[in-house]
Amino acid sequence: MLTITKPEPNRVDIELSGKIDSDEMAKGLDDLLDKSQDVNEGKMLYTITSFAFPDLGAMAVEMVRLPKMFGLLGRFDRCAVLCDVGWIRNAAEIEGTLFPGIDIKGFELTERDQAEAWLQTGMA
């Protein structure tokens, strides 16, 4: 399951759970691009539960949209990643060091309140 919501004008939430196929990936990424069009200095809350690598078709869909996804990063200045898998949180934070202009911080699933506070204030 890949669900994209926009609870505030400059915030987008992503929920990823389990394994996703190419159709679900295409719909989710298109939805993310659409909901992020008018975002500036945005915040993103990315929640990952029951992580499973996407199938090859879903990865191909993501690769096709990769140039648009890089452009999307410039619309956000902060992203909190909630996940119960430590290496995913670490990878997200490393990714944040590779892309200037966006701070990415990983949180355990139980730390949602801390993630929300960090998104609003930037404090850990």
PDB file of N, CA and C in Angstrom:
ATOM      1  N   MET A   1       0.842  -1.175   0.000  1.00  0.00           N
ATOM      2  CA  MET A   1       0.000   0.000   0.000  1.00  0.00           C
ATOM      3  C   MET A   1       0.888   1.240   0.000  1.00  0.00           C
ATOM      4  N   LEU A   2       0.582   2.178  -0.857  1.00  0.00           N
ATOM      5  CA  LEU A   2       1.259   3.463  -0.928  1.00  0.00           C
ATOM      6  C   LEU A   2       0.179   4.538  -0.965  1.00  0.00           C
ATOM      7  N   THR A   3       0.111   5.323   0.111  1.00  0.00           N
ATOM      8  CA  THR A   3      -0.927   6.331   0.241  1.00  0.00           C
ATOM      9  C   THR A   3      -0.283   7.700   0.426  1.00  0.00           C
ATOM     10  N   ILE A   4      -0.768   8.678  -0.323  1.00  0.00           N
ATOM     11  CA  ILE A   4      -0.277  10.048  -0.239  1.00  0.00           C
ATOM     12  C   ILE A   4      -1.425  10.944   0.212  1.00  0.00           C
ATOM     13  N   THR A   5      -1.192  11.730   1.258  1.00  0.00           N
ATOM     14  CA  THR A   5      -2.191  12.692   1.722  1.00  0.00           C
ATOM     15  C   THR A   5      -1.530  14.060   1.876  1.00  0.00           C
ATOM     16  N   LYS A   6      -2.354  15.088   1.899  1.00  0.00           N
ATOM     17  CA  LYS A   6      -1.859  16.456   2.071  1.00  0.00           C
ATOM     18  C   LYS A   6      -2.668  17.105   3.192  1.00  0.00           C
ATOM     19  N   PRO A   7      -2.243  16.889   4.449  1.00  0.00           N
ATOM     20  CA  PRO A   7      -3.020  17.405   5.577  1.00  0.00           C
ATOM     21  C   PRO A   7      -2.948  18.916   5.755  1.00  0.00           C
ATOM     22  N   GLU A   8      -1.932  19.545   5.177  1.00  0.00           N
ATOM     23  CA  GLU A   8      -1.752  20.997   5.267  1.00  0.00           C
ATOM     24  C   GLU A   8      -1.230  21.486   3.923  1.00  0.00           C
ATOM     25  N   PRO A   9      -1.365  22.786   3.626  1.00  0.00           N
ATOM     26  CA  PRO A   9      -0.914  23.289   2.326  1.00  0.00           C
ATOM     27  C   PRO A   9       0.552  23.012   2.010  1.00  0.00           C
ATOM     28  N   ASN A  10       1.435  23.057   3.005  1.00  0.00           N
ATOM     29  CA  ASN A  10       2.858  22.827   2.774  1.00  0.00           C
ATOM     30  C   ASN A  10       3.352  21.542   3.430  1.00  0.00           C
ATOM     31  N   ARG A  11       2.474  20.543   3.482  1.00  0.00           N
ATOM     32  CA  ARG A  11       2.865  19.263   4.062  1.00  0.00           C
ATOM     33  C   ARG A  11       2.251  18.130   3.255  1.00  0.00           C
ATOM     34  N   VAL A  12       3.065  17.112   3.047  1.00  0.00           N
ATOM     35  CA  VAL A  12       2.620  15.902   2.381  1.00  0.00           C
ATOM     36  C   VAL A  12       3.027  14.723   3.254  1.00  0.00           C
ATOM     37  N   ASP A  13       2.116  13.799   3.454  1.00  0.00           N
ATOM     38  CA  ASP A  13       2.394  12.576   4.205  1.00  0.00           C
ATOM     39  C   ASP A  13       2.366  11.390   3.259  1.00  0.00           C
ATOM     40  N   ILE A  14       3.329  10.508   3.437  1.00  0.00           N
ATOM     41  CA  ILE A  14       3.422   9.289   2.639  1.00  0.00           C
ATOM     42  C   ILE A  14       3.361   8.110   3.590  1.00  0.00           C
ATOM     43  N   GLU A  15       2.527   7.136   3.266  1.00  0.00           N
ATOM     44  CA  GLU A  15       2.469   5.895   4.032  1.00  0.00           C
ATOM     45  C   GLU A  15       2.759   4.743   3.085  1.00  0.00           C
ATOM     46  N   LEU A  16       3.785   3.974   3.426  1.00  0.00           N
ATOM     47  CA  LEU A  16       4.181   2.822   2.634  1.00  0.00           C
ATOM     48  C   LEU A  16       4.146   1.598   3.524  1.00  0.00           C
ATOM     49  N   SER A  17       3.434   0.573   3.068  1.00  0.00           N
ATOM     50  CA  SER A  17       3.317  -0.640   3.858  1.00  0.00           C
ATOM     51  C   SER A  17       3.337  -1.852   2.935  1.00  0.00           C
ATOM     52  N   GLY A  18       4.191  -2.812   3.263  1.00  0.00           N
ATOM     53  CA  GLY A  18       4.247  -4.044   2.489  1.00  0.00           C
ATOM     54  C   GLY A  18       4.855  -3.837   1.118  1.00  0.00           C
ATOM     55  N   LYS A  19       4.689  -4.849   0.291  1.00  0.00           N
ATOM     56  CA  LYS A  19       5.247  -4.833  -1.059  1.00  0.00           C
ATOM     57  C   LYS A  19       4.257  -4.175  -2.008  1.00  0.00           C
ATOM     58  N   ILE A  20       4.775  -3.330  -2.907  1.00  0.00           N
ATOM     59  CA  ILE A  20       3.897  -2.672  -3.863  1.00  0.00           C
ATOM     60  C   ILE A  20       4.276  -3.082  -5.281  1.00  0.00           C
ATOM     61  N   ASP A  21       3.273  -3.099  -6.146  1.00  0.00           N
ATOM     62  CA  ASP A  21       3.501  -3.479  -7.540  1.00  0.00           C
ATOM     63  C   ASP A  21       3.608  -2.226  -8.409  1.00  0.00           C
ATOM     64  N   SER A  22       3.796  -2.416  -9.702  1.00  0.00           N
ATOM     65  CA  SER A  22       4.027  -1.294 -10.608  1.00  0.00           C
ATOM     66  C   SER A  22       2.824  -0.359 -10.696  1.00  0.00           C
ATOM     67  N   ASP A  23       1.617  -0.902 -10.719  1.00  0.00           N
ATOM     68  CA  ASP A  23       0.422  -0.048 -10.795  1.00  0.00           C
ATOM     69  C   ASP A  23       0.292   0.839  -9.565  1.00  0.00           C
ATOM     70  N   GLU A  24       0.503   0.248  -8.401  1.00  0.00           N
ATOM     71  CA  GLU A  24       0.395   1.014  -7.162  1.00  0.00           C
ATOM     72  C   GLU A  24       1.508   2.060  -7.067  1.00  0.00           C
ATOM     73  N   MET A  25       2.720   1.704  -7.515  1.00  0.00           N
ATOM     74  CA  MET A  25       3.829   2.649  -7.509  1.00  0.00           C
ATOM     75  C   MET A  25       3.526   3.824  -8.442  1.00  0.00           C
ATOM     76  N   ALA A  26       3.049   3.537  -9.638  1.00  0.00           N
ATOM     77  CA  ALA A  26       2.733   4.603 -10.602  1.00  0.00           C
ATOM     78  C   ALA A  26       1.681   5.547 -10.037  1.00  0.00           C
ATOM     79  N   LYS A  27       0.607   4.987  -9.496  1.00  0.00           N
ATOM     80  CA  LYS A  27      -0.458   5.810  -8.928  1.00  0.00           C
ATOM     81  C   LYS A  27       0.063   6.654  -7.761  1.00  0.00           C
ATOM     82  N   GLY A  28       0.843   6.028  -6.873  1.00  0.00           N
ATOM     83  CA  GLY A  28       1.360   6.736  -5.709  1.00  0.00           C
ATOM     84  C   GLY A  28       2.314   7.863  -6.069  1.00  0.00           C
ATOM     85  N   LEU A  29       3.238   7.605  -6.990  1.00  0.00           N
ATOM     86  CA  LEU A  29       4.194   8.643  -7.385  1.00  0.00           C
ATOM     87  C   LEU A  29       3.507   9.777  -8.129  1.00  0.00           C
ATOM     88  N   ASP A  30       2.562   9.442  -9.004  1.00  0.00           N
ATOM     89  CA  ASP A  30       1.805  10.493  -9.689  1.00  0.00           C
ATOM     90  C   ASP A  30       1.019  11.334  -8.692  1.00  0.00           C
ATOM     91  N   ASP A  31       0.439  10.683  -7.690  1.00  0.00           N
ATOM     92  CA  ASP A  31      -0.302  11.389  -6.644  1.00  0.00           C
ATOM     93  C   ASP A  31       0.639  12.295  -5.846  1.00  0.00           C
ATOM     94  N   LEU A  32       1.826  11.795  -5.519  1.00  0.00           N
ATOM     95  CA  LEU A  32       2.810  12.587  -4.794  1.00  0.00           C
ATOM     96  C   LEU A  32       3.221  13.818  -5.604  1.00  0.00           C
ATOM     97  N   LEU A  33       3.511  13.627  -6.872  1.00  0.00           N
ATOM     98  CA  LEU A  33       3.888  14.751  -7.728  1.00  0.00           C
ATOM     99  C   LEU A  33       2.755  15.776  -7.817  1.00  0.00           C
ATOM    100  N   ASP A  34       1.533  15.295  -7.970  1.00  0.00           N
ATOM    101  CA  ASP A  34       0.377  16.182  -8.068  1.00  0.00           C
ATOM    102  C   ASP A  34       0.164  16.976  -6.779  1.00  0.00           C
ATOM    103  N   LYS A  35       0.213  16.304  -5.640  1.00  0.00           N
ATOM    104  CA  LYS A  35      -0.054  16.963  -4.356  1.00  0.00           C
ATOM    105  C   LYS A  35       1.085  17.879  -3.930  1.00  0.00           C
ATOM    106  N   SER A  36       2.253  17.742  -4.557  1.00  0.00           N
ATOM    107  CA  SER A  36       3.412  18.553  -4.178  1.00  0.00           C
ATOM    108  C   SER A  36       3.628  19.759  -5.084  1.00  0.00           C
ATOM    109  N   GLN A  37       2.818  19.904  -6.119  1.00  0.00           N
ATOM    110  CA  GLN A  37       3.026  20.966  -7.111  1.00  0.00           C
ATOM    111  C   GLN A  37       3.123  22.363  -6.518  1.00  0.00           C
ATOM    112  N   ASP A  38       2.272  22.681  -5.569  1.00  0.00           N
ATOM    113  CA  ASP A  38       2.246  24.042  -5.018  1.00  0.00           C
ATOM    114  C   ASP A  38       2.910  24.148  -3.648  1.00  0.00           C
ATOM    115  N   VAL A  39       3.699  23.153  -3.279  1.00  0.00           N
ATOM    116  CA  VAL A  39       4.385  23.158  -1.985  1.00  0.00           C
ATOM    117  C   VAL A  39       5.683  23.942  -2.102  1.00  0.00           C
ATOM    118  N   ASN A  40       5.950  24.787  -1.104  1.00  0.00           N
ATOM    119  CA  ASN A  40       7.220  25.514  -0.982  1.00  0.00           C
ATOM    120  C   ASN A  40       7.669  25.442   0.456  1.00  0.00           C
ATOM    121  N   GLU A  41       8.960  25.180   0.658  1.00  0.00           N
ATOM    122  CA  GLU A  41       9.499  25.018   2.004  1.00  0.00           C
ATOM    123  C   GLU A  41       8.641  24.034   2.793  1.00  0.00           C
ATOM    124  N   GLY A  42       8.310  22.939   2.140  1.00  0.00           N
ATOM    125  CA  GLY A  42       7.380  21.969   2.692  1.00  0.00           C
ATOM    126  C   GLY A  42       7.980  21.015   3.700  1.00  0.00           C
ATOM    127  N   LYS A  43       7.087  20.319   4.355  1.00  0.00           N
ATOM    128  CA  LYS A  43       7.412  19.276   5.327  1.00  0.00           C
ATOM    129  C   LYS A  43       6.804  17.970   4.826  1.00  0.00           C
ATOM    130  N   MET A  44       7.512  16.885   5.065  1.00  0.00           N
ATOM    131  CA  MET A  44       7.024  15.584   4.641  1.00  0.00           C
ATOM    132  C   MET A  44       7.169  14.601   5.797  1.00  0.00           C
ATOM    133  N   LEU A  45       6.122  13.842   6.052  1.00  0.00           N
ATOM    134  CA  LEU A  45       6.165  12.761   7.030  1.00  0.00           C
ATOM    135  C   LEU A  45       6.018  11.458   6.256  1.00  0.00           C
ATOM    136  N   TYR A  46       7.041  10.637   6.302  1.00  0.00           N
ATOM    137  CA  TYR A  46       7.104   9.395   5.538  1.00  0.00           C
ATOM    138  C   TYR A  46       7.073   8.244   6.531  1.00  0.00           C
ATOM    139  N   THR A  47       5.996   7.481   6.546  1.00  0.00           N
ATOM    140  CA  THR A  47       5.831   6.369   7.467  1.00  0.00           C
ATOM    141  C   THR A  47       5.939   5.056   6.702  1.00  0.00           C
ATOM    142  N   ILE A  48       6.879   4.213   7.131  1.00  0.00           N
ATOM    143  CA  ILE A  48       7.120   2.932   6.467  1.00  0.00           C
ATOM    144  C   ILE A  48       6.900   1.817   7.483  1.00  0.00           C
ATOM    145  N   THR A  49       5.934   0.955   7.186  1.00  0.00           N
ATOM    146  CA  THR A  49       5.670  -0.198   8.049  1.00  0.00           C
ATOM    147  C   THR A  49       5.685  -1.470   7.201  1.00  0.00           C
ATOM    148  N   SER A  50       6.045  -2.562   7.812  1.00  0.00           N
ATOM    149  CA  SER A  50       6.078  -3.866   7.127  1.00  0.00           C
ATOM    150  C   SER A  50       6.813  -3.747   5.795  1.00  0.00           C
ATOM    151  N   PHE A  51       8.014  -3.183   5.847  1.00  0.00           N
ATOM    152  CA  PHE A  51       8.769  -2.920   4.627  1.00  0.00           C
ATOM    153  C   PHE A  51       9.066  -4.195   3.847  1.00  0.00           C
ATOM    154  N   ALA A  52       8.856  -4.116   2.543  1.00  0.00           N
ATOM    155  CA  ALA A  52       9.254  -5.167   1.606  1.00  0.00           C
ATOM    156  C   ALA A  52       9.746  -4.461   0.349  1.00  0.00           C
ATOM    157  N   PHE A  53      10.827  -4.955  -0.226  1.00  0.00           N
ATOM    158  CA  PHE A  53      11.321  -4.341  -1.455  1.00  0.00           C
ATOM    159  C   PHE A  53      10.246  -4.402  -2.525  1.00  0.00           C
ATOM    160  N   PRO A  54      10.085  -3.303  -3.285  1.00  0.00           N
ATOM    161  CA  PRO A  54       9.089  -3.307  -4.365  1.00  0.00           C
ATOM    162  C   PRO A  54       9.489  -4.308  -5.453  1.00  0.00           C
ATOM    163  N   ASP A  55       8.508  -4.767  -6.219  1.00  0.00           N
ATOM    164  CA  ASP A  55       8.841  -5.691  -7.306  1.00  0.00           C
ATOM    165  C   ASP A  55       9.565  -4.927  -8.418  1.00  0.00           C
ATOM    166  N   LEU A  56      10.129  -5.658  -9.379  1.00  0.00           N
ATOM    167  CA  LEU A  56      10.922  -5.035 -10.441  1.00  0.00           C
ATOM    168  C   LEU A  56      10.116  -4.042 -11.264  1.00  0.00           C
ATOM    169  N   GLY A  57       8.860  -4.345 -11.509  1.00  0.00           N
ATOM    170  CA  GLY A  57       8.010  -3.424 -12.262  1.00  0.00           C
ATOM    171  C   GLY A  57       7.840  -2.105 -11.538  1.00  0.00           C
ATOM    172  N   ALA A  58       7.672  -2.158 -10.217  1.00  0.00           N
ATOM    173  CA  ALA A  58       7.521  -0.941  -9.430  1.00  0.00           C
ATOM    174  C   ALA A  58       8.814  -0.130  -9.442  1.00  0.00           C
ATOM    175  N   MET A  59       9.939  -0.808  -9.401  1.00  0.00           N
ATOM    176  CA  MET A  59      11.223  -0.108  -9.446  1.00  0.00           C
ATOM    177  C   MET A  59      11.415   0.563 -10.808  1.00  0.00           C
ATOM    178  N   ALA A  60      10.977  -0.092 -11.872  1.00  0.00           N
ATOM    179  CA  ALA A  60      11.072   0.498 -13.207  1.00  0.00           C
ATOM    180  C   ALA A  60      10.201   1.757 -13.305  1.00  0.00           C
ATOM    181  N   VAL A  61       9.018   1.702 -12.730  1.00  0.00           N
ATOM    182  CA  VAL A  61       8.121   2.872 -12.717  1.00  0.00           C
ATOM    183  C   VAL A  61       8.803   4.035 -12.007  1.00  0.00           C
ATOM    184  N   GLU A  62       9.456   3.749 -10.889  1.00  0.00           N
ATOM    185  CA  GLU A  62      10.141   4.792 -10.136  1.00  0.00           C
ATOM    186  C   GLU A  62      11.294   5.377 -10.951  1.00  0.00           C
ATOM    187  N   MET A  63      12.037   4.540 -11.641  1.00  0.00           N
ATOM    188  CA  MET A  63      13.167   5.019 -12.447  1.00  0.00           C
ATOM    189  C   MET A  63      12.691   5.962 -13.552  1.00  0.00           C
ATOM    190  N   VAL A  64      11.561   5.664 -14.171  1.00  0.00           N
ATOM    191  CA  VAL A  64      11.024   6.512 -15.228  1.00  0.00           C
ATOM    192  C   VAL A  64      10.684   7.900 -14.677  1.00  0.00           C
ATOM    193  N   ARG A  65      10.220   7.960 -13.447  1.00  0.00           N
ATOM    194  CA  ARG A  65       9.808   9.228 -12.846  1.00  0.00           C
ATOM    195  C   ARG A  65      10.935   9.906 -12.057  1.00  0.00           C
ATOM    196  N   LEU A  66      12.115   9.327 -12.062  1.00  0.00           N
ATOM    197  CA  LEU A  66      13.218   9.829 -11.249  1.00  0.00           C
ATOM    198  C   LEU A  66      13.547  11.312 -11.498  1.00  0.00           C
ATOM    199  N   PRO A  67      13.622  11.783 -12.743  1.00  0.00           N
ATOM    200  CA  PRO A  67      13.905  13.219 -12.921  1.00  0.00           C
ATOM    201  C   PRO A  67      12.875  14.122 -12.242  1.00  0.00           C
ATOM    202  N   LYS A  68      11.610  13.763 -12.328  1.00  0.00           N
ATOM    203  CA  LYS A  68      10.574  14.561 -11.660  1.00  0.00           C
ATOM    204  C   LYS A  68      10.703  14.460 -10.139  1.00  0.00           C
ATOM    205  N   MET A  69      11.110  13.284  -9.654  1.00  0.00           N
ATOM    206  CA  MET A  69      11.246  13.093  -8.214  1.00  0.00           C
ATOM    207  C   MET A  69      12.384  13.965  -7.652  1.00  0.00           C
ATOM    208  N   PHE A  70      13.486  14.100  -8.410  1.00  0.00           N
ATOM    209  CA  PHE A  70      14.572  14.970  -7.965  1.00  0.00           C
ATOM    210  C   PHE A  70      14.092  16.414  -7.876  1.00  0.00           C
ATOM    211  N   GLY A  71      13.296  16.848  -8.840  1.00  0.00           N
ATOM    212  CA  GLY A  71      12.728  18.189  -8.798  1.00  0.00           C
ATOM    213  C   GLY A  71      11.815  18.387  -7.607  1.00  0.00           C
ATOM    214  N   LEU A  72      11.140  17.341  -7.220  1.00  0.00           N
ATOM    215  CA  LEU A  72      10.232  17.377  -6.079  1.00  0.00           C
ATOM    216  C   LEU A  72      10.973  17.689  -4.781  1.00  0.00           C
ATOM    217  N   LEU A  73      12.191  17.180  -4.636  1.00  0.00           N
ATOM    218  CA  LEU A  73      12.951  17.390  -3.405  1.00  0.00           C
ATOM    219  C   LEU A  73      13.144  18.874  -3.093  1.00  0.00           C
ATOM    220  N   GLY A  74      13.271  19.704  -4.117  1.00  0.00           N
ATOM    221  CA  GLY A  74      13.470  21.126  -3.904  1.00  0.00           C
ATOM    222  C   GLY A  74      12.271  21.834  -3.296  1.00  0.00           C
ATOM    223  N   ARG A  75      11.126  21.189  -3.289  1.00  0.00           N
ATOM    224  CA  ARG A  75       9.919  21.791  -2.716  1.00  0.00           C
ATOM    225  C   ARG A  75       9.820  21.587  -1.201  1.00  0.00           C
ATOM    226  N   PHE A  76      10.656  20.712  -0.677  1.00  0.00           N
ATOM    227  CA  PHE A  76      10.599  20.363   0.742  1.00  0.00           C
ATOM    228  C   PHE A  76      11.909  20.727   1.422  1.00  0.00           C
ATOM    229  N   ASP A  77      11.819  21.208   2.655  1.00  0.00           N
ATOM    230  CA  ASP A  77      13.045  21.488   3.399  1.00  0.00           C
ATOM    231  C   ASP A  77      13.249  20.536   4.573  1.00  0.00           C
ATOM    232  N   ARG A  78      12.238  19.732   4.868  1.00  0.00           N
ATOM    233  CA  ARG A  78      12.369  18.804   5.996  1.00  0.00           C
ATOM    234  C   ARG A  78      11.506  17.572   5.768  1.00  0.00           C
ATOM    235  N   CYS A  79      12.088  16.404   6.057  1.00  0.00           N
ATOM    236  CA  CYS A  79      11.368  15.140   5.934  1.00  0.00           C
ATOM    237  C   CYS A  79      11.682  14.261   7.137  1.00  0.00           C
ATOM    238  N   ALA A  80      10.643  13.827   7.830  1.00  0.00           N
ATOM    239  CA  ALA A  80      10.789  12.876   8.938  1.00  0.00           C
ATOM    240  C   ALA A  80      10.388  11.500   8.420  1.00  0.00           C
ATOM    241  N   VAL A  81      11.244  10.520   8.677  1.00  0.00           N
ATOM    242  CA  VAL A  81      10.987   9.149   8.241  1.00  0.00           C
ATOM    243  C   VAL A  81      10.728   8.301   9.473  1.00  0.00           C
ATOM    244  N   LEU A  82       9.503   7.793   9.579  1.00  0.00           N
ATOM    245  CA  LEU A  82       9.126   6.890  10.667  1.00  0.00           C
ATOM    246  C   LEU A  82       9.216   5.462  10.152  1.00  0.00           C
ATOM    247  N   CYS A  83      10.016   4.628  10.821  1.00  0.00           N
ATOM    248  CA  CYS A  83      10.163   3.248  10.373  1.00  0.00           C
ATOM    249  C   CYS A  83      10.692   2.401  11.517  1.00  0.00           C
ATOM    250  N   ASP A  84      10.273   1.137  11.556  1.00  0.00           N
ATOM    251  CA  ASP A  84      10.757   0.235  12.593  1.00  0.00           C
ATOM    252  C   ASP A  84      12.029  -0.501  12.165  1.00  0.00           C
ATOM    253  N   VAL A  85      12.541  -0.215  10.965  1.00  0.00           N
ATOM    254  CA  VAL A  85      13.753  -0.851  10.458  1.00  0.00           C
ATOM    255  C   VAL A  85      14.892   0.170  10.512  1.00  0.00           C
ATOM    256  N   GLY A  86      15.889  -0.116  11.337  1.00  0.00           N
ATOM    257  CA  GLY A  86      16.973   0.819  11.574  1.00  0.00           C
ATOM    258  C   GLY A  86      17.759   1.196  10.336  1.00  0.00           C
ATOM    259  N   TRP A  87      18.044   0.249   9.466  1.00  0.00           N
ATOM    260  CA  TRP A  87      18.868   0.584   8.296  1.00  0.00           C
ATOM    261  C   TRP A  87      18.129   1.527   7.346  1.00  0.00           C
ATOM    262  N   ILE A  88      16.804   1.469   7.320  1.00  0.00           N
ATOM    263  CA  ILE A  88      16.051   2.395   6.473  1.00  0.00           C
ATOM    264  C   ILE A  88      16.142   3.806   7.039  1.00  0.00           C
ATOM    265  N   ARG A  89      16.021   3.934   8.360  1.00  0.00           N
ATOM    266  CA  ARG A  89      16.170   5.257   8.982  1.00  0.00           C
ATOM    267  C   ARG A  89      17.564   5.817   8.704  1.00  0.00           C
ATOM    268  N   ASN A  90      18.579   4.977   8.843  1.00  0.00           N
ATOM    269  CA  ASN A  90      19.953   5.418   8.585  1.00  0.00           C
ATOM    270  C   ASN A  90      20.147   5.811   7.120  1.00  0.00           C
ATOM    271  N   ALA A  91      19.621   5.002   6.214  1.00  0.00           N
ATOM    272  CA  ALA A  91      19.748   5.303   4.786  1.00  0.00           C
ATOM    273  C   ALA A  91      19.060   6.624   4.449  1.00  0.00           C
ATOM    274  N   ALA A  92      17.929   6.880   5.060  1.00  0.00           N
ATOM    275  CA  ALA A  92      17.209   8.134   4.822  1.00  0.00           C
ATOM    276  C   ALA A  92      18.053   9.323   5.270  1.00  0.00           C
ATOM    277  N   GLU A  93      18.682   9.215   6.423  1.00  0.00           N
ATOM    278  CA  GLU A  93      19.508  10.315   6.916  1.00  0.00           C
ATOM    279  C   GLU A  93      20.736  10.523   6.027  1.00  0.00           C
ATOM    280  N   ILE A  94      21.324   9.445   5.537  1.00  0.00           N
ATOM    281  CA  ILE A  94      22.455   9.567   4.606  1.00  0.00           C
ATOM    282  C   ILE A  94      21.998  10.250   3.330  1.00  0.00           C
ATOM    283  N   GLU A  95      20.827   9.872   2.845  1.00  0.00           N
ATOM    284  CA  GLU A  95      20.277  10.506   1.644  1.00  0.00           C
ATOM    285  C   GLU A  95      20.116  12.012   1.858  1.00  0.00           C
ATOM    286  N   GLY A  96      19.726  12.391   3.058  1.00  0.00           N
ATOM    287  CA  GLY A  96      19.565  13.802   3.369  1.00  0.00           C
ATOM    288  C   GLY A  96      20.867  14.585   3.280  1.00  0.00           C
ATOM    289  N   THR A  97      21.990  13.922   3.540  1.00  0.00           N
ATOM    290  CA  THR A  97      23.280  14.604   3.418  1.00  0.00           C
ATOM    291  C   THR A  97      23.697  14.764   1.962  1.00  0.00           C
ATOM    292  N   LEU A  98      23.136  13.964   1.077  1.00  0.00           N
ATOM    293  CA  LEU A  98      23.511  14.001  -0.332  1.00  0.00           C
ATOM    294  C   LEU A  98      22.754  15.063  -1.126  1.00  0.00           C
ATOM    295  N   PHE A  99      21.612  15.494  -0.606  1.00  0.00           N
ATOM    296  CA  PHE A  99      20.778  16.467  -1.307  1.00  0.00           C
ATOM    297  C   PHE A  99      20.713  17.756  -0.502  1.00  0.00           C
ATOM    298  N   PRO A 100      21.384  18.802  -0.975  1.00  0.00           N
ATOM    299  CA  PRO A 100      21.356  20.069  -0.226  1.00  0.00           C
ATOM    300  C   PRO A 100      19.950  20.661  -0.209  1.00  0.00           C
ATOM    301  N   GLY A 101      19.637  21.322   0.893  1.00  0.00           N
ATOM    302  CA  GLY A 101      18.363  22.019   0.987  1.00  0.00           C
ATOM    303  C   GLY A 101      17.263  21.235   1.667  1.00  0.00           C
ATOM    304  N   ILE A 102      17.498  19.944   1.938  1.00  0.00           N
ATOM    305  CA  ILE A 102      16.476  19.159   2.642  1.00  0.00           C
ATOM    306  C   ILE A 102      17.138  18.418   3.803  1.00  0.00           C
ATOM    307  N   ASP A 103      16.533  18.547   4.974  1.00  0.00           N
ATOM    308  CA  ASP A 103      16.975  17.803   6.154  1.00  0.00           C
ATOM    309  C   ASP A 103      16.081  16.585   6.299  1.00  0.00           C
ATOM    310  N   ILE A 104      16.692  15.418   6.427  1.00  0.00           N
ATOM    311  CA  ILE A 104      15.944  14.177   6.605  1.00  0.00           C
ATOM    312  C   ILE A 104      16.403  13.542   7.907  1.00  0.00           C
ATOM    313  N   LYS A 105      15.445  13.197   8.741  1.00  0.00           N
ATOM    314  CA  LYS A 105      15.750  12.590  10.042  1.00  0.00           C
ATOM    315  C   LYS A 105      14.885  11.361  10.236  1.00  0.00           C
ATOM    316  N   GLY A 106      15.516  10.283  10.682  1.00  0.00           N
ATOM    317  CA  GLY A 106      14.800   9.042  10.937  1.00  0.00           C
ATOM    318  C   GLY A 106      14.312   8.940  12.373  1.00  0.00           C
ATOM    319  N   PHE A 107      13.139   8.350  12.528  1.00  0.00           N
ATOM    320  CA  PHE A 107      12.534   8.130  13.841  1.00  0.00           C
ATOM    321  C   PHE A 107      11.945   6.727  13.878  1.00  0.00           C
ATOM    322  N   GLU A 108      11.930   6.119  15.056  1.00  0.00           N
ATOM    323  CA  GLU A 108      11.243   4.840  15.217  1.00  0.00           C
ATOM    324  C   GLU A 108       9.736   5.085  15.135  1.00  0.00           C
ATOM    325  N   LEU A 109       8.992   4.057  14.797  1.00  0.00           N
ATOM    326  CA  LEU A 109       7.535   4.198  14.667  1.00  0.00           C
ATOM    327  C   LEU A 109       6.891   4.739  15.938  1.00  0.00           C
ATOM    328  N   THR A 110       7.461   4.404  17.079  1.00  0.00           N
ATOM    329  CA  THR A 110       6.903   4.846  18.363  1.00  0.00           C
ATOM    330  C   THR A 110       7.205   6.313  18.661  1.00  0.00           C
ATOM    331  N   GLU A 111       8.002   6.961  17.817  1.00  0.00           N
ATOM    332  CA  GLU A 111       8.415   8.344  18.062  1.00  0.00           C
ATOM    333  C   GLU A 111       7.675   9.352  17.180  1.00  0.00           C
ATOM    334  N   ARG A 112       6.435   9.068  16.880  1.00  0.00           N
ATOM    335  CA  ARG A 112       5.669   9.957  16.000  1.00  0.00           C
ATOM    336  C   ARG A 112       5.565  11.382  16.551  1.00  0.00           C
ATOM    337  N   ASP A 113       5.331  11.526  17.848  1.00  0.00           N
ATOM    338  CA  ASP A 113       5.222  12.863  18.439  1.00  0.00           C
ATOM    339  C   ASP A 113       6.526  13.642  18.271  1.00  0.00           C
ATOM    340  N   GLN A 114       7.666  12.971  18.468  1.00  0.00           N
ATOM    341  CA  GLN A 114       8.962  13.625  18.296  1.00  0.00           C
ATOM    342  C   GLN A 114       9.176  14.021  16.830  1.00  0.00           C
ATOM    343  N   ALA A 115       8.755  13.148  15.910  1.00  0.00           N
ATOM    344  CA  ALA A 115       8.891  13.440  14.479  1.00  0.00           C
ATOM    345  C   ALA A 115       8.048  14.657  14.101  1.00  0.00           C
ATOM    346  N   GLU A 116       6.825  14.694  14.610  1.00  0.00           N
ATOM    347  CA  GLU A 116       5.937  15.836  14.334  1.00  0.00           C
ATOM    348  C   GLU A 116       6.546  17.132  14.877  1.00  0.00           C
ATOM    349  N   ALA A 117       7.083  17.076  16.091  1.00  0.00           N
ATOM    350  CA  ALA A 117       7.700  18.264  16.694  1.00  0.00           C
ATOM    351  C   ALA A 117       8.912  18.700  15.883  1.00  0.00           C
ATOM    352  N   TRP A 118       9.724  17.742  15.433  1.00  0.00           N
ATOM    353  CA  TRP A 118      10.910  18.075  14.637  1.00  0.00           C
ATOM    354  C   TRP A 118      10.502  18.714  13.313  1.00  0.00           C
ATOM    355  N   LEU A 119       9.459  18.207  12.691  1.00  0.00           N
ATOM    356  CA  LEU A 119       8.996  18.805  11.439  1.00  0.00           C
ATOM    357  C   LEU A 119       8.609  20.271  11.626  1.00  0.00           C
ATOM    358  N   GLN A 120       8.004  20.584  12.753  1.00  0.00           N
ATOM    359  CA  GLN A 120       7.536  21.941  12.997  1.00  0.00           C
ATOM    360  C   GLN A 120       8.645  22.888  13.470  1.00  0.00           C
ATOM    361  N   THR A 121       9.578  22.374  14.255  1.00  0.00           N
ATOM    362  CA  THR A 121      10.580  23.249  14.849  1.00  0.00           C
ATOM    363  C   THR A 121      11.991  22.990  14.364  1.00  0.00           C
ATOM    364  N   GLY A 122      12.232  21.803  13.861  1.00  0.00           N
ATOM    365  CA  GLY A 122      13.585  21.452  13.461  1.00  0.00           C
ATOM    366  C   GLY A 122      14.436  20.954  14.611  1.00  0.00           C
ATOM    367  N   MET A 123      13.856  20.873  15.787  1.00  0.00           N
ATOM    368  CA  MET A 123      14.615  20.418  16.958  1.00  0.00           C
ATOM    369  C   MET A 123      14.429  18.918  17.132  1.00  0.00           C
ATOM    370  N   ALA A 124      15.475  18.265  17.631  1.00  0.00           N
ATOM    371  CA  ALA A 124      15.403  16.814  17.881  1.00  0.00           C
ATOM    372  C   ALA A 124      14.682  16.548  19.173  1.00  0.00           C
TER     373      ALA A 124
END
